[in-house]
Amino acid sequence: MYTVPIYDARKVDANFYELVLNVDQLDRVNREIPVGSCVVIAYTLNTWGKTLPVNVSFNVKWVMVLGIPRR
């Protein structure tokens, strides 16, 4: 089983492209992300099969939290 890393970018003042390139330098989130949060999800998409319907898999690589709802 693979654990998807969740990174916290809420208090980082940097260019988004720099964050993406250095995502593993951000602090990790070790709790559930609230519903309604704004996140970036990095994933790969794979397809296989020669006939329709084609099989598709989405593989989440990491998640970056940009903001969470106020309480």
C-alpha atoms as a PDB file:
ATOM      1  CA  MET A   1       0.000   0.000   0.000  1.00  0.00           C
ATOM      2  CA  TYR A   2       1.266   3.465  -0.915  1.00  0.00           C
ATOM      3  CA  THR A   3       0.856   6.491   1.364  1.00  0.00           C
ATOM      4  CA  VAL A   4       0.254   9.710  -0.550  1.00  0.00           C
ATOM      5  CA  PRO A   5       2.327  12.558   0.917  1.00  0.00           C
ATOM      6  CA  ILE A   6       0.383  15.734   1.749  1.00  0.00           C
ATOM      7  CA  TYR A   7       2.400  18.959   1.863  1.00  0.00           C
ATOM      8  CA  ASP A   8       1.446  22.233   3.552  1.00  0.00           C
ATOM      9  CA  ALA A   9       1.992  25.344   1.408  1.00  0.00           C
ATOM     10  CA  ARG A  10      -0.430  27.643   3.270  1.00  0.00           C
ATOM     11  CA  LYS A  11       2.193  29.883   4.879  1.00  0.00           C
ATOM     12  CA  VAL A  12       4.882  29.734   2.205  1.00  0.00           C
ATOM     13  CA  ASP A  13       5.617  32.931   0.301  1.00  0.00           C
ATOM     14  CA  ALA A  14       7.114  31.618  -2.922  1.00  0.00           C
ATOM     15  CA  ASN A  15       6.400  31.338  -6.613  1.00  0.00           C
ATOM     16  CA  PHE A  16       4.041  28.415  -7.314  1.00  0.00           C
ATOM     17  CA  TYR A  17       6.405  26.906  -9.874  1.00  0.00           C
ATOM     18  CA  GLU A  18       9.229  26.930  -7.307  1.00  0.00           C
ATOM     19  CA  LEU A  19       6.940  25.174  -4.828  1.00  0.00           C
ATOM     20  CA  VAL A  20       6.088  22.446  -7.316  1.00  0.00           C
ATOM     21  CA  LEU A  21       9.733  21.829  -8.156  1.00  0.00           C
ATOM     22  CA  ASN A  22      10.672  21.630  -4.452  1.00  0.00           C
ATOM     23  CA  VAL A  23       7.484  20.165  -3.017  1.00  0.00           C
ATOM     24  CA  ASP A  24       9.389  17.672  -0.864  1.00  0.00           C
ATOM     25  CA  GLN A  25      10.933  20.624   1.045  1.00  0.00           C
ATOM     26  CA  LEU A  26       7.521  21.668   2.433  1.00  0.00           C
ATOM     27  CA  ASP A  27       6.212  20.550   5.822  1.00  0.00           C
ATOM     28  CA  ARG A  28       4.080  17.406   5.743  1.00  0.00           C
ATOM     29  CA  VAL A  29       0.458  17.343   6.894  1.00  0.00           C
ATOM     30  CA  ASN A  30      -0.344  14.389   9.143  1.00  0.00           C
ATOM     31  CA  ARG A  31      -4.052  14.964   9.663  1.00  0.00           C
ATOM     32  CA  GLU A  32      -7.234  14.917   7.628  1.00  0.00           C
ATOM     33  CA  ILE A  33      -7.717  17.840   5.255  1.00  0.00           C
ATOM     34  CA  PRO A  34     -11.050  19.661   5.882  1.00  0.00           C
ATOM     35  CA  VAL A  35     -13.781  19.488   3.266  1.00  0.00           C
ATOM     36  CA  GLY A  36     -13.740  22.595   1.078  1.00  0.00           C
ATOM     37  CA  SER A  37      -9.957  23.017   1.181  1.00  0.00           C
ATOM     38  CA  CYS A  38      -8.030  24.250  -1.850  1.00  0.00           C
ATOM     39  CA  VAL A  39      -5.360  21.759  -2.919  1.00  0.00           C
ATOM     40  CA  VAL A  40      -3.144  20.860  -5.848  1.00  0.00           C
ATOM     41  CA  ILE A  41      -3.090  17.177  -6.738  1.00  0.00           C
ATOM     42  CA  ALA A  42      -0.201  15.759  -8.744  1.00  0.00           C
ATOM     43  CA  TYR A  43      -1.079  12.550 -10.538  1.00  0.00           C
ATOM     44  CA  THR A  44      -0.183  10.327 -13.432  1.00  0.00           C
ATOM     45  CA  LEU A  45      -2.715   8.957 -15.869  1.00  0.00           C
ATOM     46  CA  ASN A  46      -2.333   5.568 -17.489  1.00  0.00           C
ATOM     47  CA  THR A  47      -4.473   3.815 -20.066  1.00  0.00           C
ATOM     48  CA  TRP A  48      -4.343   0.299 -21.394  1.00  0.00           C
ATOM     49  CA  GLY A  49      -6.361  -1.967 -23.622  1.00  0.00           C
ATOM     50  CA  LYS A  50      -6.805  -2.177 -27.385  1.00  0.00           C
ATOM     51  CA  THR A  51     -10.588  -2.099 -27.550  1.00  0.00           C
ATOM     52  CA  LEU A  52     -13.261   0.140 -26.108  1.00  0.00           C
ATOM     53  CA  PRO A  53     -13.804   0.677 -23.291  1.00  0.00           C
ATOM     54  CA  VAL A  54     -10.167   1.498 -22.555  1.00  0.00           C
ATOM     55  CA  ASN A  55      -8.980   0.972 -18.969  1.00  0.00           C
ATOM     56  CA  VAL A  56      -7.824   4.088 -17.106  1.00  0.00           C
ATOM     57  CA  SER A  57      -5.953   4.504 -13.825  1.00  0.00           C
ATOM     58  CA  PHE A  58      -5.222   7.742 -11.960  1.00  0.00           C
ATOM     59  CA  ASN A  59      -2.239   7.482  -9.616  1.00  0.00           C
ATOM     60  CA  VAL A  60      -1.978  10.293  -7.053  1.00  0.00           C
ATOM     61  CA  LYS A  61       1.686  11.205  -6.439  1.00  0.00           C
ATOM     62  CA  TRP A  62       1.278  13.993  -3.845  1.00  0.00           C
ATOM     63  CA  VAL A  63      -1.126  16.653  -2.567  1.00  0.00           C
ATOM     64  CA  MET A  64      -0.258  20.286  -1.725  1.00  0.00           C
ATOM     65  CA  VAL A  65      -2.616  22.212   0.573  1.00  0.00           C
ATOM     66  CA  LEU A  66      -3.006  25.868  -0.464  1.00  0.00           C
ATOM     67  CA  GLY A  67      -5.821  26.856   1.885  1.00  0.00           C
ATOM     68  CA  ILE A  68      -8.445  25.527   4.272  1.00  0.00           C
ATOM     69  CA  PRO A  69     -11.891  26.975   5.084  1.00  0.00           C
ATOM     70  CA  ARG A  70     -12.217  29.318   8.054  1.00  0.00           C
ATOM     71  CA  ARG A  71     -14.271  28.078  10.957  1.00  0.00           C
END
